[in-house]
C-alpha atoms as a PDB file:
ATOM      1  CA  MET A   1     -35.780  10.302   3.077  1.00  0.00           C
ATOM      2  CA  LYS A   2     -33.554  12.908   1.674  1.00  0.00           C
ATOM      3  CA  LYS A   3     -33.077  12.770  -2.112  1.00  0.00           C
ATOM      4  CA  LYS A   4     -29.487  12.263  -3.246  1.00  0.00           C
ATOM      5  CA  VAL A   5     -28.359  15.414  -4.956  1.00  0.00           C
ATOM      6  CA  CYS A   6     -25.557  14.934  -7.723  1.00  0.00           C
ATOM      7  CA  TYR A   7     -22.853  16.925  -6.759  1.00  0.00           C
ATOM      8  CA  ALA A   8     -20.214  15.585  -9.347  1.00  0.00           C
ATOM      9  CA  ARG A   9     -19.832  12.412 -11.434  1.00  0.00           C
ATOM     10  CA  LEU A  10     -17.173   9.621 -10.973  1.00  0.00           C
ATOM     11  CA  TYR A  11     -16.817   7.106 -13.401  1.00  0.00           C
ATOM     12  CA  GLY A  12     -20.466   7.891 -14.742  1.00  0.00           C
ATOM     13  CA  SER A  13     -21.829   7.473 -11.107  1.00  0.00           C
ATOM     14  CA  CYS A  14     -23.561  10.361  -9.254  1.00  0.00           C
ATOM     15  CA  ILE A  15     -21.604  11.354  -6.125  1.00  0.00           C
ATOM     16  CA  THR A  16     -22.904  13.734  -2.956  1.00  0.00           C
ATOM     17  CA  ARG A  17     -21.033  16.763  -1.785  1.00  0.00           C
ATOM     18  CA  SER A  18     -20.137  14.744   1.331  1.00  0.00           C
ATOM     19  CA  GLU A  19     -18.830  11.974  -0.992  1.00  0.00           C
ATOM     20  CA  GLN A  20     -16.830  14.580  -3.002  1.00  0.00           C
ATOM     21  CA  LYS A  21     -15.252  16.032   0.297  1.00  0.00           C
ATOM     22  CA  SER A  22     -14.291  12.573   1.374  1.00  0.00           C
ATOM     23  CA  ILE A  23     -12.517  11.898  -1.898  1.00  0.00           C
ATOM     24  CA  LYS A  24     -10.704  15.221  -1.733  1.00  0.00           C
ATOM     25  CA  MET A  25      -9.591  14.591   1.902  1.00  0.00           C
ATOM     26  CA  LYS A  26      -8.298  11.151   0.922  1.00  0.00           C
ATOM     27  CA  GLN A  27      -6.425  12.696  -2.090  1.00  0.00           C
ATOM     28  CA  PHE A  28      -4.962  15.403   0.304  1.00  0.00           C
ATOM     29  CA  PHE A  29      -3.719  12.746   2.861  1.00  0.00           C
ATOM     30  CA  ARG A  30      -2.083  10.518   0.180  1.00  0.00           C
ATOM     31  CA  GLN A  31      -0.403  13.543  -1.221  1.00  0.00           C
ATOM     32  CA  GLN A  32       1.086  14.339   2.367  1.00  0.00           C
ATOM     33  CA  ARG A  33       2.219  10.761   2.718  1.00  0.00           C
ATOM     34  CA  ARG A  34       3.724  10.688  -0.551  1.00  0.00           C
ATOM     35  CA  GLU A  35       5.723  14.116   0.134  1.00  0.00           C
ATOM     36  CA  ARG A  36       6.955  12.680   3.503  1.00  0.00           C
ATOM     37  CA  LEU A  37       8.025   9.538   1.934  1.00  0.00           C
ATOM     38  CA  TRP A  38      10.144  11.444  -0.642  1.00  0.00           C
ATOM     39  CA  GLN A  39      11.660  13.610   2.184  1.00  0.00           C
ATOM     40  CA  ASP A  40      12.435  10.386   3.986  1.00  0.00           C
ATOM     41  CA  ILE A  41      14.067   8.879   0.711  1.00  0.00           C
ATOM     42  CA  GLU A  42      16.101  12.278   0.160  1.00  0.00           C
ATOM     43  CA  ALA A  43      17.283  12.072   3.836  1.00  0.00           C
ATOM     44  CA  VAL A  44      18.551   8.389   3.500  1.00  0.00           C
ATOM     45  CA  ILE A  45      20.084   9.143   0.274  1.00  0.00           C
ATOM     46  CA  GLY A  46      21.862  11.966   1.701  1.00  0.00           C
ATOM     47  CA  ARG A  47      23.139  10.111   4.725  1.00  0.00           C
ATOM     48  CA  PHE A  48      24.246   6.719   3.169  1.00  0.00           C
ATOM     49  CA  SER A  49      26.261   5.708   0.040  1.00  0.00           C
ATOM     50  CA  PRO A  50      24.636   3.940  -2.927  1.00  0.00           C
ATOM     51  CA  ASN A  51      26.645   0.883  -1.897  1.00  0.00           C
ATOM     52  CA  GLN A  52      25.287   0.941   1.605  1.00  0.00           C
ATOM     53  CA  ILE A  53      21.654   1.244   0.518  1.00  0.00           C
ATOM     54  CA  ALA A  54      21.926  -1.469  -1.918  1.00  0.00           C
ATOM     55  CA  GLN A  55      23.339  -3.924   0.672  1.00  0.00           C
ATOM     56  CA  SER A  56      20.833  -2.893   3.069  1.00  0.00           C
ATOM     57  CA  LEU A  57      17.956  -3.618   0.494  1.00  0.00           C
ATOM     58  CA  SER A  58      19.479  -6.834  -0.496  1.00  0.00           C
ATOM     59  CA  LEU A  59      19.785  -7.915   3.124  1.00  0.00           C
ATOM     60  CA  VAL A  60      15.991  -6.945   3.898  1.00  0.00           C
ATOM     61  CA  THR A  61      15.013  -8.931   0.755  1.00  0.00           C
ATOM     62  CA  VAL A  62      16.877 -12.039   1.908  1.00  0.00           C
ATOM     63  CA  ASP A  63      15.601 -11.858   5.372  1.00  0.00           C
ATOM     64  CA  ALA A  64      11.846 -11.277   3.990  1.00  0.00           C
ATOM     65  CA  THR A  65      12.381 -14.281   1.588  1.00  0.00           C
ATOM     66  CA  HIS A  66      13.545 -16.554   4.647  1.00  0.00           C
ATOM     67  CA  GLU A  67      10.544 -15.421   6.769  1.00  0.00           C
ATOM     68  CA  LEU A  68       8.155 -16.085   3.990  1.00  0.00           C
ATOM     69  CA  ARG A  69       9.528 -19.538   3.251  1.00  0.00           C
ATOM     70  CA  ASP A  70       9.486 -20.299   6.848  1.00  0.00           C
ATOM     71  CA  ALA A  71       5.926 -19.089   7.074  1.00  0.00           C
ATOM     72  CA  THR A  72       4.662 -21.056   4.038  1.00  0.00           C
ATOM     73  CA  ASN A  73       6.615 -24.234   4.502  1.00  0.00           C
ATOM     74  CA  SER A  74       3.809 -25.858   6.307  1.00  0.00           C
ATOM     75  CA  ILE A  75       1.250 -25.052   3.774  1.00  0.00           C
ATOM     76  CA  ASP A  76       0.161 -28.042   1.759  1.00  0.00           C
ATOM     77  CA  ILE A  77      -2.388 -26.981  -0.802  1.00  0.00           C
ATOM     78  CA  ARG A  78      -3.369 -30.554  -2.025  1.00  0.00           C
ATOM     79  CA  LYS A  79      -3.756 -31.686   1.556  1.00  0.00           C
ATOM     80  CA  ASP A  80      -5.776 -28.546   2.461  1.00  0.00           C
ATOM     81  CA  ALA A  81      -8.011 -29.074  -0.679  1.00  0.00           C
ATOM     82  CA  GLU A  82      -8.884 -32.633   0.079  1.00  0.00           C
ATOM     83  CA  ARG A  83      -9.928 -31.562   3.723  1.00  0.00           C
ATOM     84  CA  LEU A  84     -12.265 -29.218   2.246  1.00  0.00           C
ATOM     85  CA  LYS A  85     -13.977 -31.857  -0.092  1.00  0.00           C
END
């Protein structure tokens, strides 16, 4: 069995070179996604008025609230807990 060589320390734990590379790759891709998200936000802001954006966000929120309510209407925690006893 190959001995684990400590390449760096993360929160006091020893991490290998491959684990360090994996962390760096994840950070790189996270940064890429973040940049793409901000580009998309800038495109939306440039295309629509603040009022249109606010109305759209409001409508999406209302729709999501109704969908969540519909999905959770049939949940009865007391009844489910009784069934588990």
